[in-house]
Each structure stands twice: as structure tokens, then as C-alpha cells.
């Protein structure tokens, strides 16, 4: 039986919308491919690359907790 440990949600889309930043701009600013940012934007990342996360935080001048959120799932 697999236990439900909750879910990690990425809030990058909301932060970018608040700051009027496009995926193209962020990809260029952190020297990453658009596809990488698109996955973060759509909350579709399988494994979190801490280097990418650090670059995003640097460019957006925010903390990891502003982007990554843990939510417990109801059992």
C-alpha cells in the first residue's frame, strides 16, 4: 500500500503574473531553455533542480518558499 505523503506545488505562474514576467524573459534571464521554465510554470516538474530554483529566486528576488509549497492531502 502506498501512503499519501502530500504534494509539492509550484507557484511560479502566480509570481510571474504578479510581476508581469514572461516565460521567455525568465528563460533568457536564468540561461535555461524555454521548455524548462514552461514545466516550472505549469507545475509539471518531476524532479526539482536546485540550481534552476536558485537562479529563479535570484532573478525574481524571492525566497524558495515563495515558489515551492507543500500541501498535505486528505486521506
PDB file of N, CA and C in Angstrom:
ATOM      1  N   UNK A   1       0.838  -1.179   0.000  1.00  0.00           N
ATOM      2  CA  UNK A   1       0.000   0.000   0.000  1.00  0.00           C
ATOM      3  C   UNK A   1       0.887   1.248   0.000  1.00  0.00           C
ATOM      4  N   UNK A   2       0.588   2.164  -0.885  1.00  0.00           N
ATOM      5  CA  UNK A   2       1.352   3.407  -0.990  1.00  0.00           C
ATOM      6  C   UNK A   2       0.686   4.468  -0.116  1.00  0.00           C
ATOM      7  N   UNK A   3       1.481   5.071   0.737  1.00  0.00           N
ATOM      8  CA  UNK A   3       0.968   6.108   1.632  1.00  0.00           C
ATOM      9  C   UNK A   3       0.928   7.446   0.896  1.00  0.00           C
ATOM     10  N   UNK A   4      -0.081   8.235   1.149  1.00  0.00           N
ATOM     11  CA  UNK A   4      -0.216   9.557   0.552  1.00  0.00           C
ATOM     12  C   UNK A   4       0.556  10.552   1.420  1.00  0.00           C
ATOM     13  N   UNK A   5       1.660  11.050   0.908  1.00  0.00           N
ATOM     14  CA  UNK A   5       2.521  11.950   1.664  1.00  0.00           C
ATOM     15  C   UNK A   5       2.245  13.422   1.384  1.00  0.00           C
ATOM     16  N   UNK A   6       1.298  13.729   0.547  1.00  0.00           N
ATOM     17  CA  UNK A   6       1.007  15.110   0.202  1.00  0.00           C
ATOM     18  C   UNK A   6       1.554  15.455  -1.165  1.00  0.00           C
ATOM     19  N   UNK A   7       1.629  16.738  -1.456  1.00  0.00           N
ATOM     20  CA  UNK A   7       2.029  17.185  -2.788  1.00  0.00           C
ATOM     21  C   UNK A   7       2.841  18.470  -2.698  1.00  0.00           C
ATOM     22  N   UNK A   8       3.803  18.585  -3.596  1.00  0.00           N
ATOM     23  CA  UNK A   8       4.567  19.817  -3.757  1.00  0.00           C
ATOM     24  C   UNK A   8       3.940  20.594  -4.910  1.00  0.00           C
ATOM     25  N   UNK A   9       3.601  21.840  -4.657  1.00  0.00           N
ATOM     26  CA  UNK A   9       3.038  22.709  -5.690  1.00  0.00           C
ATOM     27  C   UNK A   9       4.010  23.848  -5.975  1.00  0.00           C
ATOM     28  N   UNK A  10       4.137  24.181  -7.240  1.00  0.00           N
ATOM     29  CA  UNK A  10       4.985  25.295  -7.656  1.00  0.00           C
ATOM     30  C   UNK A  10       4.096  26.492  -7.972  1.00  0.00           C
ATOM     31  N   UNK A  11       4.442  27.635  -7.410  1.00  0.00           N
ATOM     32  CA  UNK A  11       3.632  28.839  -7.561  1.00  0.00           C
ATOM     33  C   UNK A  11       4.286  29.854  -8.505  1.00  0.00           C
ATOM     34  N   UNK A  12       5.160  29.372  -9.377  1.00  0.00           N
ATOM     35  CA  UNK A  12       5.889  30.269 -10.268  1.00  0.00           C
ATOM     36  C   UNK A  12       4.942  31.064 -11.166  1.00  0.00           C
ATOM     37  N   UNK A  13       3.912  30.426 -11.666  1.00  0.00           N
ATOM     38  CA  UNK A  13       2.960  31.088 -12.560  1.00  0.00           C
ATOM     39  C   UNK A  13       2.365  32.334 -11.898  1.00  0.00           C
ATOM     40  N   UNK A  14       1.981  32.204 -10.630  1.00  0.00           N
ATOM     41  CA  UNK A  14       1.384  33.334  -9.901  1.00  0.00           C
ATOM     42  C   UNK A  14       2.381  34.472  -9.698  1.00  0.00           C
ATOM     43  N   UNK A  15       3.599  34.117  -9.320  1.00  0.00           N
ATOM     44  CA  UNK A  15       4.629  35.136  -9.093  1.00  0.00           C
ATOM     45  C   UNK A  15       4.934  35.874 -10.385  1.00  0.00           C
ATOM     46  N   UNK A  16       5.059  35.123 -11.476  1.00  0.00           N
ATOM     47  CA  UNK A  16       5.360  35.750 -12.764  1.00  0.00           C
ATOM     48  C   UNK A  16       4.214  36.656 -13.216  1.00  0.00           C
ATOM     49  N   UNK A  17       2.989  36.233 -12.983  1.00  0.00           N
ATOM     50  CA  UNK A  17       1.834  37.053 -13.355  1.00  0.00           C
ATOM     51  C   UNK A  17       1.813  38.353 -12.548  1.00  0.00           C
ATOM     52  N   UNK A  18       2.088  38.241 -11.247  1.00  0.00           N
ATOM     53  CA  UNK A  18       2.115  39.436 -10.385  1.00  0.00           C
ATOM     54  C   UNK A  18       3.175  40.432 -10.832  1.00  0.00           C
ATOM     55  N   UNK A  19       4.282  39.913 -11.364  1.00  0.00           N
ATOM     56  CA  UNK A  19       5.400  40.775 -11.752  1.00  0.00           C
ATOM     57  C   UNK A  19       5.439  41.060 -13.249  1.00  0.00           C
ATOM     58  N   UNK A  20       4.433  40.550 -13.965  1.00  0.00           N
ATOM     59  CA  UNK A  20       4.340  40.765 -15.408  1.00  0.00           C
ATOM     60  C   UNK A  20       5.604  40.284 -16.134  1.00  0.00           C
ATOM     61  N   UNK A  21       6.054  39.082 -15.795  1.00  0.00           N
ATOM     62  CA  UNK A  21       7.243  38.486 -16.400  1.00  0.00           C
ATOM     63  C   UNK A  21       6.816  37.308 -17.266  1.00  0.00           C
ATOM     64  N   UNK A  22       7.363  37.228 -18.463  1.00  0.00           N
ATOM     65  CA  UNK A  22       7.011  36.141 -19.370  1.00  0.00           C
ATOM     66  C   UNK A  22       7.962  34.966 -19.185  1.00  0.00           C
ATOM     67  N   UNK A  23       7.534  33.810 -19.673  1.00  0.00           N
ATOM     68  CA  UNK A  23       8.390  32.622 -19.625  1.00  0.00           C
ATOM     69  C   UNK A  23       9.637  32.822 -20.476  1.00  0.00           C
ATOM     70  N   UNK A  24       9.477  33.487 -21.613  1.00  0.00           N
ATOM     71  CA  UNK A  24      10.646  33.756 -22.468  1.00  0.00           C
ATOM     72  C   UNK A  24      11.673  34.619 -21.740  1.00  0.00           C
ATOM     73  N   UNK A  25      11.200  35.662 -21.077  1.00  0.00           N
ATOM     74  CA  UNK A  25      12.110  36.547 -20.346  1.00  0.00           C
ATOM     75  C   UNK A  25      12.848  35.779 -19.255  1.00  0.00           C
ATOM     76  N   UNK A  26      12.102  35.008 -18.465  1.00  0.00           N
ATOM     77  CA  UNK A  26      12.731  34.275 -17.362  1.00  0.00           C
ATOM     78  C   UNK A  26      13.725  33.243 -17.881  1.00  0.00           C
ATOM     79  N   UNK A  27      13.372  32.553 -18.950  1.00  0.00           N
ATOM     80  CA  UNK A  27      14.292  31.560 -19.526  1.00  0.00           C
ATOM     81  C   UNK A  27      15.599  32.217 -19.948  1.00  0.00           C
ATOM     82  N   UNK A  28      15.515  33.357 -20.605  1.00  0.00           N
ATOM     83  CA  UNK A  28      16.734  34.064 -21.020  1.00  0.00           C
ATOM     84  C   UNK A  28      17.504  34.576 -19.807  1.00  0.00           C
ATOM     85  N   UNK A  29      16.802  35.080 -18.816  1.00  0.00           N
ATOM     86  CA  UNK A  29      17.452  35.666 -17.637  1.00  0.00           C
ATOM     87  C   UNK A  29      18.217  34.638 -16.812  1.00  0.00           C
ATOM     88  N   UNK A  30      17.722  33.388 -16.779  1.00  0.00           N
ATOM     89  CA  UNK A  30      18.416  32.371 -15.985  1.00  0.00           C
ATOM     90  C   UNK A  30      19.244  31.425 -16.852  1.00  0.00           C
ATOM     91  N   UNK A  31      19.329  31.731 -18.148  1.00  0.00           N
ATOM     92  CA  UNK A  31      20.116  30.918 -19.085  1.00  0.00           C
ATOM     93  C   UNK A  31      19.642  29.464 -19.109  1.00  0.00           C
ATOM     94  N   UNK A  32      18.333  29.312 -19.310  1.00  0.00           N
ATOM     95  CA  UNK A  32      17.726  27.980 -19.392  1.00  0.00           C
ATOM     96  C   UNK A  32      16.842  27.918 -20.634  1.00  0.00           C
ATOM     97  N   UNK A  33      16.537  26.709 -21.055  1.00  0.00           N
ATOM     98  CA  UNK A  33      15.638  26.526 -22.199  1.00  0.00           C
ATOM     99  C   UNK A  33      14.208  26.898 -21.804  1.00  0.00           C
ATOM    100  N   UNK A  34      13.442  27.368 -22.768  1.00  0.00           N
ATOM    101  CA  UNK A  34      12.041  27.725 -22.542  1.00  0.00           C
ATOM    102  C   UNK A  34      11.280  26.533 -21.970  1.00  0.00           C
ATOM    103  N   UNK A  35      11.556  25.334 -22.474  1.00  0.00           N
ATOM    104  CA  UNK A  35      10.847  24.127 -22.043  1.00  0.00           C
ATOM    105  C   UNK A  35      11.020  23.871 -20.541  1.00  0.00           C
ATOM    106  N   UNK A  36      12.189  24.217 -20.023  1.00  0.00           N
ATOM    107  CA  UNK A  36      12.443  24.042 -18.588  1.00  0.00           C
ATOM    108  C   UNK A  36      11.523  24.971 -17.795  1.00  0.00           C
ATOM    109  N   UNK A  37      11.496  26.231 -18.169  1.00  0.00           N
ATOM    110  CA  UNK A  37      10.649  27.200 -17.473  1.00  0.00           C
ATOM    111  C   UNK A  37       9.183  26.859 -17.663  1.00  0.00           C
ATOM    112  N   UNK A  38       8.814  26.385 -18.829  1.00  0.00           N
ATOM    113  CA  UNK A  38       7.431  26.019 -19.103  1.00  0.00           C
ATOM    114  C   UNK A  38       6.952  24.932 -18.144  1.00  0.00           C
ATOM    115  N   UNK A  39       7.798  23.957 -17.849  1.00  0.00           N
ATOM    116  CA  UNK A  39       7.433  22.906 -16.895  1.00  0.00           C
ATOM    117  C   UNK A  39       7.257  23.476 -15.489  1.00  0.00           C
ATOM    118  N   UNK A  40       8.141  24.357 -15.073  1.00  0.00           N
ATOM    119  CA  UNK A  40       8.005  25.004 -13.766  1.00  0.00           C
ATOM    120  C   UNK A  40       6.731  25.845 -13.739  1.00  0.00           C
ATOM    121  N   UNK A  41       6.475  26.569 -14.803  1.00  0.00           N
ATOM    122  CA  UNK A  41       5.315  27.450 -14.920  1.00  0.00           C
ATOM    123  C   UNK A  41       4.010  26.657 -14.808  1.00  0.00           C
ATOM    124  N   UNK A  42       3.980  25.492 -15.438  1.00  0.00           N
ATOM    125  CA  UNK A  42       2.780  24.649 -15.450  1.00  0.00           C
ATOM    126  C   UNK A  42       2.706  23.683 -14.265  1.00  0.00           C
ATOM    127  N   UNK A  43       3.635  23.820 -13.295  1.00  0.00           N
ATOM    128  CA  UNK A  43       3.662  22.942 -12.121  1.00  0.00           C
ATOM    129  C   UNK A  43       3.775  21.486 -12.556  1.00  0.00           C
ATOM    130  N   UNK A  44       4.662  21.243 -13.509  1.00  0.00           N
ATOM    131  CA  UNK A  44       4.792  19.920 -14.104  1.00  0.00           C
ATOM    132  C   UNK A  44       6.233  19.417 -14.011  1.00  0.00           C
ATOM    133  N   UNK A  45       6.907  19.707 -12.912  1.00  0.00           N
ATOM    134  CA  UNK A  45       8.297  19.308 -12.718  1.00  0.00           C
ATOM    135  C   UNK A  45       8.317  17.986 -11.960  1.00  0.00           C
ATOM    136  N   UNK A  46       9.052  17.012 -12.477  1.00  0.00           N
ATOM    137  CA  UNK A  46       9.146  15.719 -11.804  1.00  0.00           C
ATOM    138  C   UNK A  46      10.206  15.737 -10.711  1.00  0.00           C
ATOM    139  N   UNK A  47      11.337  16.357 -10.992  1.00  0.00           N
ATOM    140  CA  UNK A  47      12.423  16.465 -10.022  1.00  0.00           C
ATOM    141  C   UNK A  47      12.881  17.914  -9.980  1.00  0.00           C
ATOM    142  N   UNK A  48      13.002  18.448  -8.772  1.00  0.00           N
ATOM    143  CA  UNK A  48      13.382  19.850  -8.624  1.00  0.00           C
ATOM    144  C   UNK A  48      14.893  19.991  -8.740  1.00  0.00           C
ATOM    145  N   UNK A  49      15.308  20.771  -9.713  1.00  0.00           N
ATOM    146  CA  UNK A  49      16.726  21.088  -9.917  1.00  0.00           C
ATOM    147  C   UNK A  49      17.033  22.318  -9.061  1.00  0.00           C
ATOM    148  N   UNK A  50      17.834  22.124  -8.017  1.00  0.00           N
ATOM    149  CA  UNK A  50      18.096  23.218  -7.090  1.00  0.00           C
ATOM    150  C   UNK A  50      18.873  24.363  -7.727  1.00  0.00           C
ATOM    151  N   UNK A  51      19.660  24.067  -8.755  1.00  0.00           N
ATOM    152  CA  UNK A  51      20.373  25.132  -9.459  1.00  0.00           C
ATOM    153  C   UNK A  51      19.383  26.031 -10.204  1.00  0.00           C
ATOM    154  N   UNK A  52      18.435  25.424 -10.891  1.00  0.00           N
ATOM    155  CA  UNK A  52      17.397  26.196 -11.590  1.00  0.00           C
ATOM    156  C   UNK A  52      16.587  26.997 -10.570  1.00  0.00           C
ATOM    157  N   UNK A  53      16.225  26.370  -9.464  1.00  0.00           N
ATOM    158  CA  UNK A  53      15.454  27.051  -8.434  1.00  0.00           C
ATOM    159  C   UNK A  53      16.218  28.251  -7.873  1.00  0.00           C
ATOM    160  N   UNK A  54      17.507  28.086  -7.651  1.00  0.00           N
ATOM    161  CA  UNK A  54      18.331  29.200  -7.147  1.00  0.00           C
ATOM    162  C   UNK A  54      18.376  30.338  -8.159  1.00  0.00           C
ATOM    163  N   UNK A  55      18.516  30.011  -9.436  1.00  0.00           N
ATOM    164  CA  UNK A  55      18.552  31.051 -10.469  1.00  0.00           C
ATOM    165  C   UNK A  55      17.223  31.798 -10.543  1.00  0.00           C
ATOM    166  N   UNK A  56      16.114  31.057 -10.450  1.00  0.00           N
ATOM    167  CA  UNK A  56      14.794  31.684 -10.482  1.00  0.00           C
ATOM    168  C   UNK A  56      14.644  32.636  -9.296  1.00  0.00           C
ATOM    169  N   UNK A  57      15.031  32.172  -8.118  1.00  0.00           N
ATOM    170  CA  UNK A  57      14.941  33.021  -6.916  1.00  0.00           C
ATOM    171  C   UNK A  57      15.807  34.276  -7.059  1.00  0.00           C
ATOM    172  N   UNK A  58      16.985  34.117  -7.633  1.00  0.00           N
ATOM    173  CA  UNK A  58      17.887  35.254  -7.820  1.00  0.00           C
ATOM    174  C   UNK A  58      17.261  36.302  -8.734  1.00  0.00           C
ATOM    175  N   UNK A  59      16.755  35.856  -9.876  1.00  0.00           N
ATOM    176  CA  UNK A  59      16.188  36.783 -10.859  1.00  0.00           C
ATOM    177  C   UNK A  59      14.900  37.423 -10.335  1.00  0.00           C
ATOM    178  N   UNK A  60      14.062  36.633  -9.674  1.00  0.00           N
ATOM    179  CA  UNK A  60      12.788  37.166  -9.176  1.00  0.00           C
ATOM    180  C   UNK A  60      12.914  37.834  -7.811  1.00  0.00           C
ATOM    181  N   UNK A  61      14.109  37.755  -7.228  1.00  0.00           N
ATOM    182  CA  UNK A  61      14.352  38.331  -5.901  1.00  0.00           C
ATOM    183  C   UNK A  61      13.310  37.839  -4.896  1.00  0.00           C
ATOM    184  N   UNK A  62      13.241  36.517  -4.781  1.00  0.00           N
ATOM    185  CA  UNK A  62      12.277  35.911  -3.870  1.00  0.00           C
ATOM    186  C   UNK A  62      12.923  34.751  -3.131  1.00  0.00           C
ATOM    187  N   UNK A  63      12.189  34.151  -2.247  1.00  0.00           N
ATOM    188  CA  UNK A  63      12.656  33.004  -1.478  1.00  0.00           C
ATOM    189  C   UNK A  63      12.074  31.716  -2.063  1.00  0.00           C
ATOM    190  N   UNK A  64      12.716  30.604  -1.752  1.00  0.00           N
ATOM    191  CA  UNK A  64      12.224  29.300  -2.206  1.00  0.00           C
ATOM    192  C   UNK A  64      10.776  29.105  -1.763  1.00  0.00           C
ATOM    193  N   UNK A  65      10.465  29.498  -0.552  1.00  0.00           N
ATOM    194  CA  UNK A  65       9.104  29.322  -0.025  1.00  0.00           C
ATOM    195  C   UNK A  65       8.059  30.138  -0.792  1.00  0.00           C
ATOM    196  N   UNK A  66       8.498  31.128  -1.548  1.00  0.00           N
ATOM    197  CA  UNK A  66       7.573  31.886  -2.394  1.00  0.00           C
ATOM    198  C   UNK A  66       7.163  31.074  -3.622  1.00  0.00           C
ATOM    199  N   UNK A  67       7.987  30.115  -3.990  1.00  0.00           N
ATOM    200  CA  UNK A  67       7.765  29.327  -5.212  1.00  0.00           C
ATOM    201  C   UNK A  67       7.286  27.918  -4.907  1.00  0.00           C
ATOM    202  N   UNK A  68       7.864  27.289  -3.901  1.00  0.00           N
ATOM    203  CA  UNK A  68       7.575  25.885  -3.588  1.00  0.00           C
ATOM    204  C   UNK A  68       6.692  25.822  -2.351  1.00  0.00           C
ATOM    205  N   UNK A  69       5.617  25.045  -2.486  1.00  0.00           N
ATOM    206  CA  UNK A  69       4.658  24.925  -1.393  1.00  0.00           C
ATOM    207  C   UNK A  69       4.306  23.452  -1.192  1.00  0.00           C
ATOM    208  N   UNK A  70       4.284  23.020   0.054  1.00  0.00           N
ATOM    209  CA  UNK A  70       3.878  21.654   0.391  1.00  0.00           C
ATOM    210  C   UNK A  70       2.456  21.672   0.912  1.00  0.00           C
ATOM    211  N   UNK A  71       1.642  20.767   0.402  1.00  0.00           N
ATOM    212  CA  UNK A  71       0.276  20.657   0.926  1.00  0.00           C
ATOM    213  C   UNK A  71       0.006  19.202   1.276  1.00  0.00           C
ATOM    214  N   UNK A  72      -0.588  19.003   2.435  1.00  0.00           N
ATOM    215  CA  UNK A  72      -0.962  17.664   2.859  1.00  0.00           C
ATOM    216  C   UNK A  72      -2.258  17.283   2.160  1.00  0.00           C
ATOM    217  N   UNK A  73      -2.305  16.066   1.716  1.00  0.00           N
ATOM    218  CA  UNK A  73      -3.532  15.577   1.069  1.00  0.00           C
ATOM    219  C   UNK A  73      -4.394  14.890   2.118  1.00  0.00           C
ATOM    220  N   UNK A  74      -5.668  15.056   1.987  1.00  0.00           N
ATOM    221  CA  UNK A  74      -6.595  14.371   2.891  1.00  0.00           C
ATOM    222  C   UNK A  74      -6.589  12.889   2.577  1.00  0.00           C
ATOM    223  N   UNK A  75      -6.597  12.076   3.594  1.00  0.00           N
ATOM    224  CA  UNK A  75      -6.591  10.625   3.392  1.00  0.00           C
ATOM    225  C   UNK A  75      -7.977  10.073   3.398  1.00  0.00           C
TER     226      UNK A  75
END
